[in-house]
């Protein structure tokens, strides 16, 4: 494998990783918007519990249970985003090493 093809492969990895990051950021924003909308729905129906948000207290248990699935989707989207960002960083380092 020549140096030129190694550099081109590294550039291709960066391009693919960048597209993955953009897509992951979009999915993460959508997941965050979903959970915010679910909070609004819950608070309209049941009122907002008093005090700060402490998810494992009795006052906030209903909110936590209502938003649990959306929270799991948001957490997964965050993991996917962080993994995509890490792949991008590794691809950039690979290009730097190839030069």
PDB file of N, CA and C in Angstrom:
ATOM      1  N   UNK A   1       0.846  -1.170   0.000  1.00  0.00           N
ATOM      2  CA  UNK A   1       0.000   0.000   0.000  1.00  0.00           C
ATOM      3  C   UNK A   1       0.894   1.237   0.000  1.00  0.00           C
ATOM      4  N   UNK A   2       0.627   2.173  -0.837  1.00  0.00           N
ATOM      5  CA  UNK A   2       1.442   3.376  -0.922  1.00  0.00           C
ATOM      6  C   UNK A   2       0.974   4.400   0.093  1.00  0.00           C
ATOM      7  N   UNK A   3       1.843   5.368   0.317  1.00  0.00           N
ATOM      8  CA  UNK A   3       1.499   6.433   1.254  1.00  0.00           C
ATOM      9  C   UNK A   3       0.295   7.216   0.754  1.00  0.00           C
ATOM     10  N   UNK A   4       0.250   7.431  -0.552  1.00  0.00           N
ATOM     11  CA  UNK A   4      -0.860   8.196  -1.111  1.00  0.00           C
ATOM     12  C   UNK A   4      -2.197   7.493  -0.866  1.00  0.00           C
ATOM     13  N   UNK A   5      -2.240   6.197  -1.073  1.00  0.00           N
ATOM     14  CA  UNK A   5      -3.502   5.496  -0.846  1.00  0.00           C
ATOM     15  C   UNK A   5      -3.852   5.465   0.640  1.00  0.00           C
ATOM     16  N   UNK A   6      -2.840   5.406   1.508  1.00  0.00           N
ATOM     17  CA  UNK A   6      -3.099   5.444   2.946  1.00  0.00           C
ATOM     18  C   UNK A   6      -3.700   6.794   3.334  1.00  0.00           C
ATOM     19  N   UNK A   7      -3.150   7.866   2.769  1.00  0.00           N
ATOM     20  CA  UNK A   7      -3.695   9.198   3.053  1.00  0.00           C
ATOM     21  C   UNK A   7      -5.121   9.317   2.526  1.00  0.00           C
ATOM     22  N   UNK A   8      -5.349   8.787   1.342  1.00  0.00           N
ATOM     23  CA  UNK A   8      -6.698   8.854   0.771  1.00  0.00           C
ATOM     24  C   UNK A   8      -7.680   8.037   1.602  1.00  0.00           C
ATOM     25  N   UNK A   9      -7.243   6.886   2.076  1.00  0.00           N
ATOM     26  CA  UNK A   9      -8.116   6.079   2.937  1.00  0.00           C
ATOM     27  C   UNK A   9      -8.442   6.838   4.220  1.00  0.00           C
ATOM     28  N   UNK A  10      -7.446   7.519   4.778  1.00  0.00           N
ATOM     29  CA  UNK A  10      -7.674   8.298   5.993  1.00  0.00           C
ATOM     30  C   UNK A  10      -8.652   9.436   5.713  1.00  0.00           C
ATOM     31  N   UNK A  11      -8.511  10.095   4.572  1.00  0.00           N
ATOM     32  CA  UNK A  11      -9.455  11.163   4.209  1.00  0.00           C
ATOM     33  C   UNK A  11     -10.866  10.600   4.047  1.00  0.00           C
ATOM     34  N   UNK A  12     -10.957   9.450   3.401  1.00  0.00           N
ATOM     35  CA  UNK A  12     -12.269   8.813   3.229  1.00  0.00           C
ATOM     36  C   UNK A  12     -12.895   8.471   4.578  1.00  0.00           C
ATOM     37  N   UNK A  13     -12.061   8.000   5.517  1.00  0.00           N
ATOM     38  CA  UNK A  13     -12.563   7.696   6.867  1.00  0.00           C
ATOM     39  C   UNK A  13     -13.085   8.958   7.542  1.00  0.00           C
ATOM     40  N   UNK A  14     -12.379  10.071   7.355  1.00  0.00           N
ATOM     41  CA  UNK A  14     -12.810  11.336   7.959  1.00  0.00           C
ATOM     42  C   UNK A  14     -14.150  11.770   7.380  1.00  0.00           C
ATOM     43  N   UNK A  15     -14.283  11.668   6.071  1.00  0.00           N
ATOM     44  CA  UNK A  15     -15.543  12.059   5.422  1.00  0.00           C
ATOM     45  C   UNK A  15     -16.692  11.207   5.947  1.00  0.00           C
ATOM     46  N   UNK A  16     -16.496   9.899   6.001  1.00  0.00           N
ATOM     47  CA  UNK A  16     -17.550   9.009   6.491  1.00  0.00           C
ATOM     48  C   UNK A  16     -17.860   9.289   7.958  1.00  0.00           C
ATOM     49  N   UNK A  17     -16.819   9.498   8.755  1.00  0.00           N
ATOM     50  CA  UNK A  17     -17.020   9.781  10.175  1.00  0.00           C
ATOM     51  C   UNK A  17     -17.763  11.101  10.363  1.00  0.00           C
ATOM     52  N   UNK A  18     -17.445  12.095   9.555  1.00  0.00           N
ATOM     53  CA  UNK A  18     -18.133  13.386   9.656  1.00  0.00           C
ATOM     54  C   UNK A  18     -19.617  13.233   9.334  1.00  0.00           C
ATOM     55  N   UNK A  19     -19.917  12.459   8.312  1.00  0.00           N
ATOM     56  CA  UNK A  19     -21.332  12.222   7.978  1.00  0.00           C
ATOM     57  C   UNK A  19     -22.025  11.478   9.117  1.00  0.00           C
ATOM     58  N   UNK A  20     -21.327  10.521   9.733  1.00  0.00           N
ATOM     59  CA  UNK A  20     -21.898   9.785  10.862  1.00  0.00           C
ATOM     60  C   UNK A  20     -22.164  10.711  12.045  1.00  0.00           C
ATOM     61  N   UNK A  21     -21.239  11.650  12.298  1.00  0.00           N
ATOM     62  CA  UNK A  21     -21.420  12.594  13.401  1.00  0.00           C
ATOM     63  C   UNK A  21     -22.640  13.475  13.149  1.00  0.00           C
ATOM     64  N   UNK A  22     -22.777  13.984  11.938  1.00  0.00           N
ATOM     65  CA  UNK A  22     -23.922  14.850  11.615  1.00  0.00           C
ATOM     66  C   UNK A  22     -25.230  14.085  11.801  1.00  0.00           C
ATOM     67  N   UNK A  23     -25.273  12.855  11.312  1.00  0.00           N
ATOM     68  CA  UNK A  23     -26.487  12.049  11.464  1.00  0.00           C
ATOM     69  C   UNK A  23     -26.773  11.758  12.935  1.00  0.00           C
ATOM     70  N   UNK A  24     -25.735  11.423  13.697  1.00  0.00           N
ATOM     71  CA  UNK A  24     -25.913  11.122  15.119  1.00  0.00           C
ATOM     72  C   UNK A  24     -26.367  12.361  15.886  1.00  0.00           C
ATOM     73  N   UNK A  25     -25.816  13.530  15.535  1.00  0.00           N
ATOM     74  CA  UNK A  25     -26.253  14.768  16.186  1.00  0.00           C
ATOM     75  C   UNK A  25     -27.732  15.024  15.921  1.00  0.00           C
ATOM     76  N   UNK A  26     -28.161  14.765  14.698  1.00  0.00           N
ATOM     77  CA  UNK A  26     -29.575  14.946  14.358  1.00  0.00           C
ATOM     78  C   UNK A  26     -30.453  14.025  15.210  1.00  0.00           C
ATOM     79  N   UNK A  27     -30.083  12.751  15.293  1.00  0.00           N
ATOM     80  CA  UNK A  27     -30.880  11.799  16.074  1.00  0.00           C
ATOM     81  C   UNK A  27     -30.891  12.174  17.555  1.00  0.00           C
ATOM     82  N   UNK A  28     -29.773  12.679  18.060  1.00  0.00           N
ATOM     83  CA  UNK A  28     -29.709  13.092  19.457  1.00  0.00           C
ATOM     84  C   UNK A  28     -30.624  14.293  19.703  1.00  0.00           C
ATOM     85  N   UNK A  29     -30.612  15.269  18.790  1.00  0.00           N
ATOM     86  CA  UNK A  29     -31.503  16.431  18.939  1.00  0.00           C
ATOM     87  C   UNK A  29     -32.967  16.014  18.898  1.00  0.00           C
ATOM     88  N   UNK A  30     -33.298  15.088  18.011  1.00  0.00           N
ATOM     89  CA  UNK A  30     -34.677  14.592  17.923  1.00  0.00           C
ATOM     90  C   UNK A  30     -35.069  13.904  19.228  1.00  0.00           C
ATOM     91  N   UNK A  31     -34.168  13.088  19.776  1.00  0.00           N
ATOM     92  CA  UNK A  31     -34.459  12.374  21.025  1.00  0.00           C
ATOM     93  C   UNK A  31     -34.632  13.359  22.182  1.00  0.00           C
ATOM     94  N   UNK A  32     -33.804  14.404  22.229  1.00  0.00           N
ATOM     95  CA  UNK A  32     -33.955  15.417  23.278  1.00  0.00           C
ATOM     96  C   UNK A  32     -35.276  16.155  23.142  1.00  0.00           C
ATOM     97  N   UNK A  33     -35.654  16.482  21.920  1.00  0.00           N
ATOM     98  CA  UNK A  33     -36.930  17.175  21.700  1.00  0.00           C
ATOM     99  C   UNK A  33     -38.095  16.287  22.119  1.00  0.00           C
ATOM    100  N   UNK A  34     -37.976  14.987  21.849  1.00  0.00           N
ATOM    101  CA  UNK A  34     -39.042  14.057  22.235  1.00  0.00           C
ATOM    102  C   UNK A  34     -39.226  14.043  23.747  1.00  0.00           C
ATOM    103  N   UNK A  35     -38.140  13.957  24.486  1.00  0.00           N
ATOM    104  CA  UNK A  35     -38.271  13.882  25.944  1.00  0.00           C
ATOM    105  C   UNK A  35     -38.788  15.204  26.505  1.00  0.00           C
ATOM    106  N   UNK A  36     -38.362  16.328  25.925  1.00  0.00           N
ATOM    107  CA  UNK A  36     -38.888  17.621  26.377  1.00  0.00           C
ATOM    108  C   UNK A  36     -40.390  17.706  26.135  1.00  0.00           C
ATOM    109  N   UNK A  37     -40.838  17.220  24.990  1.00  0.00           N
ATOM    110  CA  UNK A  37     -42.272  17.223  24.686  1.00  0.00           C
ATOM    111  C   UNK A  37     -43.027  16.323  25.660  1.00  0.00           C
ATOM    112  N   UNK A  38     -42.437  15.205  26.015  1.00  0.00           N
ATOM    113  CA  UNK A  38     -43.097  14.300  26.966  1.00  0.00           C
ATOM    114  C   UNK A  38     -43.205  14.940  28.345  1.00  0.00           C
ATOM    115  N   UNK A  39     -42.170  15.693  28.765  1.00  0.00           N
ATOM    116  CA  UNK A  39     -42.261  16.425  30.032  1.00  0.00           C
ATOM    117  C   UNK A  39     -43.435  17.402  29.987  1.00  0.00           C
ATOM    118  N   UNK A  40     -43.554  18.139  28.901  1.00  0.00           N
ATOM    119  CA  UNK A  40     -44.645  19.107  28.776  1.00  0.00           C
ATOM    120  C   UNK A  40     -46.005  18.423  28.856  1.00  0.00           C
ATOM    121  N   UNK A  41     -46.155  17.290  28.179  1.00  0.00           N
ATOM    122  CA  UNK A  41     -47.418  16.543  28.209  1.00  0.00           C
ATOM    123  C   UNK A  41     -47.726  16.102  29.637  1.00  0.00           C
ATOM    124  N   UNK A  42     -46.741  15.543  30.308  1.00  0.00           N
ATOM    125  CA  UNK A  42     -46.955  15.062  31.678  1.00  0.00           C
ATOM    126  C   UNK A  42     -47.325  16.226  32.599  1.00  0.00           C
ATOM    127  N   UNK A  43     -46.582  17.329  32.506  1.00  0.00           N
ATOM    128  CA  UNK A  43     -46.839  18.458  33.394  1.00  0.00           C
ATOM    129  C   UNK A  43     -48.206  19.075  33.133  1.00  0.00           C
ATOM    130  N   UNK A  44     -48.650  19.113  31.877  1.00  0.00           N
ATOM    131  CA  UNK A  44     -49.988  19.620  31.571  1.00  0.00           C
ATOM    132  C   UNK A  44     -51.058  18.724  32.187  1.00  0.00           C
ATOM    133  N   UNK A  45     -50.835  17.424  32.144  1.00  0.00           N
ATOM    134  CA  UNK A  45     -51.838  16.479  32.642  1.00  0.00           C
ATOM    135  C   UNK A  45     -51.831  16.366  34.163  1.00  0.00           C
ATOM    136  N   UNK A  46     -50.647  16.411  34.775  1.00  0.00           N
ATOM    137  CA  UNK A  46     -50.541  16.120  36.210  1.00  0.00           C
ATOM    138  C   UNK A  46     -49.958  17.257  37.035  1.00  0.00           C
ATOM    139  N   UNK A  47     -49.512  18.311  36.390  1.00  0.00           N
ATOM    140  CA  UNK A  47     -48.865  19.402  37.113  1.00  0.00           C
ATOM    141  C   UNK A  47     -47.398  19.080  37.366  1.00  0.00           C
ATOM    142  N   UNK A  48     -46.634  20.127  37.597  1.00  0.00           N
ATOM    143  CA  UNK A  48     -45.203  19.950  37.843  1.00  0.00           C
ATOM    144  C   UNK A  48     -44.987  19.754  39.341  1.00  0.00           C
ATOM    145  N   UNK A  49     -44.256  18.717  39.733  1.00  0.00           N
ATOM    146  CA  UNK A  49     -43.961  18.530  41.154  1.00  0.00           C
ATOM    147  C   UNK A  49     -43.160  19.710  41.705  1.00  0.00           C
ATOM    148  N   UNK A  50     -43.336  19.973  42.964  1.00  0.00           N
ATOM    149  CA  UNK A  50     -42.631  21.078  43.612  1.00  0.00           C
ATOM    150  C   UNK A  50     -41.150  20.744  43.764  1.00  0.00           C
ATOM    151  N   UNK A  51     -40.347  21.779  43.774  1.00  0.00           N
ATOM    152  CA  UNK A  51     -38.922  21.620  44.036  1.00  0.00           C
ATOM    153  C   UNK A  51     -38.119  21.268  42.797  1.00  0.00           C
ATOM    154  N   UNK A  52     -36.827  21.004  43.046  1.00  0.00           N
ATOM    155  CA  UNK A  52     -35.934  20.687  41.934  1.00  0.00           C
ATOM    156  C   UNK A  52     -36.172  19.267  41.430  1.00  0.00           C
ATOM    157  N   UNK A  53     -35.664  19.003  40.234  1.00  0.00           N
ATOM    158  CA  UNK A  53     -35.853  17.695  39.605  1.00  0.00           C
ATOM    159  C   UNK A  53     -34.945  16.676  40.270  1.00  0.00           C
ATOM    160  N   UNK A  54     -35.541  15.806  41.054  1.00  0.00           N
ATOM    161  CA  UNK A  54     -34.836  14.693  41.686  1.00  0.00           C
ATOM    162  C   UNK A  54     -35.586  13.430  41.273  1.00  0.00           C
ATOM    163  N   UNK A  55     -35.126  12.751  40.218  1.00  0.00           N
ATOM    164  CA  UNK A  55     -35.926  11.697  39.588  1.00  0.00           C
ATOM    165  C   UNK A  55     -36.260  10.510  40.479  1.00  0.00           C
ATOM    166  N   UNK A  56     -35.500  10.281  41.520  1.00  0.00           N
ATOM    167  CA  UNK A  56     -35.763   9.089  42.326  1.00  0.00           C
ATOM    168  C   UNK A  56     -36.491   9.400  43.626  1.00  0.00           C
ATOM    169  N   UNK A  57     -37.146  10.555  43.670  1.00  0.00           N
ATOM    170  CA  UNK A  57     -38.007  10.861  44.806  1.00  0.00           C
ATOM    171  C   UNK A  57     -39.441  10.510  44.431  1.00  0.00           C
ATOM    172  N   UNK A  58     -40.278  10.344  45.432  1.00  0.00           N
ATOM    173  CA  UNK A  58     -41.674   9.966  45.184  1.00  0.00           C
ATOM    174  C   UNK A  58     -42.407  10.998  44.333  1.00  0.00           C
ATOM    175  N   UNK A  59     -42.119  12.268  44.549  1.00  0.00           N
ATOM    176  CA  UNK A  59     -42.821  13.323  43.815  1.00  0.00           C
ATOM    177  C   UNK A  59     -42.545  13.250  42.313  1.00  0.00           C
ATOM    178  N   UNK A  60     -41.369  12.823  41.935  1.00  0.00           N
ATOM    179  CA  UNK A  60     -40.972  12.795  40.524  1.00  0.00           C
ATOM    180  C   UNK A  60     -41.066  11.410  39.901  1.00  0.00           C
ATOM    181  N   UNK A  61     -41.502  10.419  40.650  1.00  0.00           N
ATOM    182  CA  UNK A  61     -41.544   9.052  40.126  1.00  0.00           C
ATOM    183  C   UNK A  61     -42.438   8.933  38.896  1.00  0.00           C
ATOM    184  N   UNK A  62     -43.589   9.583  38.908  1.00  0.00           N
ATOM    185  CA  UNK A  62     -44.489   9.515  37.758  1.00  0.00           C
ATOM    186  C   UNK A  62     -43.852  10.078  36.496  1.00  0.00           C
ATOM    187  N   UNK A  63     -43.147  11.194  36.647  1.00  0.00           N
ATOM    188  CA  UNK A  63     -42.460  11.810  35.506  1.00  0.00           C
ATOM    189  C   UNK A  63     -41.400  10.853  34.974  1.00  0.00           C
ATOM    190  N   UNK A  64     -40.619  10.287  35.886  1.00  0.00           N
ATOM    191  CA  UNK A  64     -39.539   9.375  35.497  1.00  0.00           C
ATOM    192  C   UNK A  64     -40.086   8.154  34.773  1.00  0.00           C
ATOM    193  N   UNK A  65     -41.166   7.587  35.281  1.00  0.00           N
ATOM    194  CA  UNK A  65     -41.747   6.410  34.639  1.00  0.00           C
ATOM    195  C   UNK A  65     -42.351   6.756  33.281  1.00  0.00           C
ATOM    196  N   UNK A  66     -43.000   7.926  33.194  1.00  0.00           N
ATOM    197  CA  UNK A  66     -43.634   8.342  31.940  1.00  0.00           C
ATOM    198  C   UNK A  66     -42.601   8.579  30.839  1.00  0.00           C
ATOM    199  N   UNK A  67     -41.436   9.090  31.219  1.00  0.00           N
ATOM    200  CA  UNK A  67     -40.415   9.441  30.224  1.00  0.00           C
ATOM    201  C   UNK A  67     -39.300   8.403  30.117  1.00  0.00           C
ATOM    202  N   UNK A  68     -39.428   7.272  30.778  1.00  0.00           N
ATOM    203  CA  UNK A  68     -38.334   6.289  30.825  1.00  0.00           C
ATOM    204  C   UNK A  68     -37.919   5.799  29.442  1.00  0.00           C
ATOM    205  N   UNK A  69     -38.874   5.444  28.609  1.00  0.00           N
ATOM    206  CA  UNK A  69     -38.530   4.924  27.278  1.00  0.00           C
ATOM    207  C   UNK A  69     -37.853   6.003  26.432  1.00  0.00           C
ATOM    208  N   UNK A  70     -38.364   7.220  26.491  1.00  0.00           N
ATOM    209  CA  UNK A  70     -37.750   8.318  25.736  1.00  0.00           C
ATOM    210  C   UNK A  70     -36.363   8.635  26.280  1.00  0.00           C
ATOM    211  N   UNK A  71     -36.212   8.529  27.584  1.00  0.00           N
ATOM    212  CA  UNK A  71     -34.903   8.770  28.193  1.00  0.00           C
ATOM    213  C   UNK A  71     -33.901   7.710  27.746  1.00  0.00           C
ATOM    214  N   UNK A  72     -34.344   6.466  27.631  1.00  0.00           N
ATOM    215  CA  UNK A  72     -33.468   5.401  27.127  1.00  0.00           C
ATOM    216  C   UNK A  72     -33.055   5.676  25.682  1.00  0.00           C
ATOM    217  N   UNK A  73     -33.996   6.141  24.870  1.00  0.00           N
ATOM    218  CA  UNK A  73     -33.668   6.466  23.472  1.00  0.00           C
ATOM    219  C   UNK A  73     -32.677   7.624  23.400  1.00  0.00           C
ATOM    220  N   UNK A  74     -32.852   8.619  24.273  1.00  0.00           N
ATOM    221  CA  UNK A  74     -31.923   9.747  24.305  1.00  0.00           C
ATOM    222  C   UNK A  74     -30.536   9.291  24.740  1.00  0.00           C
ATOM    223  N   UNK A  75     -30.474   8.419  25.734  1.00  0.00           N
ATOM    224  CA  UNK A  75     -29.183   7.912  26.198  1.00  0.00           C
ATOM    225  C   UNK A  75     -28.486   7.112  25.099  1.00  0.00           C
ATOM    226  N   UNK A  76     -29.256   6.308  24.374  1.00  0.00           N
ATOM    227  CA  UNK A  76     -28.672   5.540  23.266  1.00  0.00           C
ATOM    228  C   UNK A  76     -28.169   6.480  22.174  1.00  0.00           C
ATOM    229  N   UNK A  77     -28.956   7.507  21.859  1.00  0.00           N
ATOM    230  CA  UNK A  77     -28.542   8.475  20.838  1.00  0.00           C
ATOM    231  C   UNK A  77     -27.269   9.196  21.269  1.00  0.00           C
ATOM    232  N   UNK A  78     -27.145   9.487  22.553  1.00  0.00           N
ATOM    233  CA  UNK A  78     -25.927  10.136  23.061  1.00  0.00           C
ATOM    234  C   UNK A  78     -24.729   9.207  22.916  1.00  0.00           C
ATOM    235  N   UNK A  79     -24.912   7.920  23.229  1.00  0.00           N
ATOM    236  CA  UNK A  79     -23.805   6.958  23.066  1.00  0.00           C
ATOM    237  C   UNK A  79     -23.377   6.861  21.610  1.00  0.00           C
ATOM    238  N   UNK A  80     -24.357   6.784  20.710  1.00  0.00           N
ATOM    239  CA  UNK A  80     -24.052   6.706  19.275  1.00  0.00           C
ATOM    240  C   UNK A  80     -23.295   7.960  18.837  1.00  0.00           C
ATOM    241  N   UNK A  81     -23.713   9.121  19.319  1.00  0.00           N
ATOM    242  CA  UNK A  81     -23.043  10.375  18.978  1.00  0.00           C
ATOM    243  C   UNK A  81     -21.607  10.377  19.487  1.00  0.00           C
ATOM    244  N   UNK A  82     -21.411   9.999  20.731  1.00  0.00           N
ATOM    245  CA  UNK A  82     -20.048   9.988  21.284  1.00  0.00           C
ATOM    246  C   UNK A  82     -19.153   8.998  20.546  1.00  0.00           C
ATOM    247  N   UNK A  83     -19.703   7.853  20.182  1.00  0.00           N
ATOM    248  CA  UNK A  83     -18.918   6.881  19.411  1.00  0.00           C
ATOM    249  C   UNK A  83     -18.546   7.447  18.043  1.00  0.00           C
ATOM    250  N   UNK A  84     -19.479   8.131  17.395  1.00  0.00           N
ATOM    251  CA  UNK A  84     -19.199   8.731  16.086  1.00  0.00           C
ATOM    252  C   UNK A  84     -18.130   9.815  16.218  1.00  0.00           C
ATOM    253  N   UNK A  85     -18.210  10.608  17.271  1.00  0.00           N
ATOM    254  CA  UNK A  85     -17.198  11.641  17.493  1.00  0.00           C
ATOM    255  C   UNK A  85     -15.826  11.016  17.734  1.00  0.00           C
ATOM    256  N   UNK A  86     -15.794   9.918  18.478  1.00  0.00           N
ATOM    257  CA  UNK A  86     -14.520   9.237  18.730  1.00  0.00           C
ATOM    258  C   UNK A  86     -13.948   8.660  17.438  1.00  0.00           C
ATOM    259  N   UNK A  87     -14.814   8.090  16.583  1.00  0.00           N
ATOM    260  CA  UNK A  87     -14.343   7.582  15.290  1.00  0.00           C
ATOM    261  C   UNK A  87     -13.762   8.710  14.450  1.00  0.00           C
ATOM    262  N   UNK A  88     -14.391   9.860  14.499  1.00  0.00           N
ATOM    263  CA  UNK A  88     -13.901  11.018  13.753  1.00  0.00           C
ATOM    264  C   UNK A  88     -12.521  11.428  14.269  1.00  0.00           C
ATOM    265  N   UNK A  89     -12.364  11.490  15.579  1.00  0.00           N
ATOM    266  CA  UNK A  89     -11.068  11.853  16.154  1.00  0.00           C
ATOM    267  C   UNK A  89      -9.985  10.854  15.755  1.00  0.00           C
ATOM    268  N   UNK A  90     -10.321   9.573  15.786  1.00  0.00           N
ATOM    269  CA  UNK A  90      -9.339   8.550  15.388  1.00  0.00           C
ATOM    270  C   UNK A  90      -8.980   8.679  13.914  1.00  0.00           C
ATOM    271  N   UNK A  91      -9.956   8.995  13.086  1.00  0.00           N
ATOM    272  CA  UNK A  91      -9.696   9.155  11.653  1.00  0.00           C
ATOM    273  C   UNK A  91      -8.780  10.354  11.403  1.00  0.00           C
ATOM    274  N   UNK A  92      -8.998  11.440  12.124  1.00  0.00           N
ATOM    275  CA  UNK A  92      -8.141  12.616  11.974  1.00  0.00           C
ATOM    276  C   UNK A  92      -6.720  12.280  12.419  1.00  0.00           C
ATOM    277  N   UNK A  93      -6.590  11.579  13.544  1.00  0.00           N
ATOM    278  CA  UNK A  93      -5.252  11.175  14.007  1.00  0.00           C
ATOM    279  C   UNK A  93      -4.574  10.257  13.007  1.00  0.00           C
ATOM    280  N   UNK A  94      -5.347   9.386  12.363  1.00  0.00           N
ATOM    281  CA  UNK A  94      -4.774   8.484  11.360  1.00  0.00           C
ATOM    282  C   UNK A  94      -4.246   9.275  10.166  1.00  0.00           C
ATOM    283  N   UNK A  95      -4.968  10.309   9.758  1.00  0.00           N
ATOM    284  CA  UNK A  95      -4.490  11.146   8.653  1.00  0.00           C
ATOM    285  C   UNK A  95      -3.223  11.893   9.059  1.00  0.00           C
ATOM    286  N   UNK A  96      -3.209  12.419  10.281  1.00  0.00           N
ATOM    287  CA  UNK A  96      -2.010  13.116  10.756  1.00  0.00           C
ATOM    288  C   UNK A  96      -0.811  12.175  10.789  1.00  0.00           C
ATOM    289  N   UNK A  97      -1.038  10.941  11.197  1.00  0.00           N
ATOM    290  CA  UNK A  97       0.051   9.962  11.258  1.00  0.00           C
ATOM    291  C   UNK A  97       0.519   9.555   9.865  1.00  0.00           C
ATOM    292  N   UNK A  98      -0.369   9.599   8.889  1.00  0.00           N
ATOM    293  CA  UNK A  98      -0.020   9.190   7.526  1.00  0.00           C
ATOM    294  C   UNK A  98       0.789  10.267   6.804  1.00  0.00           C
ATOM    295  N   UNK A  99       0.800  11.464   7.321  1.00  0.00           N
ATOM    296  CA  UNK A  99       1.509  12.554   6.631  1.00  0.00           C
ATOM    297  C   UNK A  99       2.933  12.676   7.042  1.00  0.00           C
TER     298      UNK A  99
END
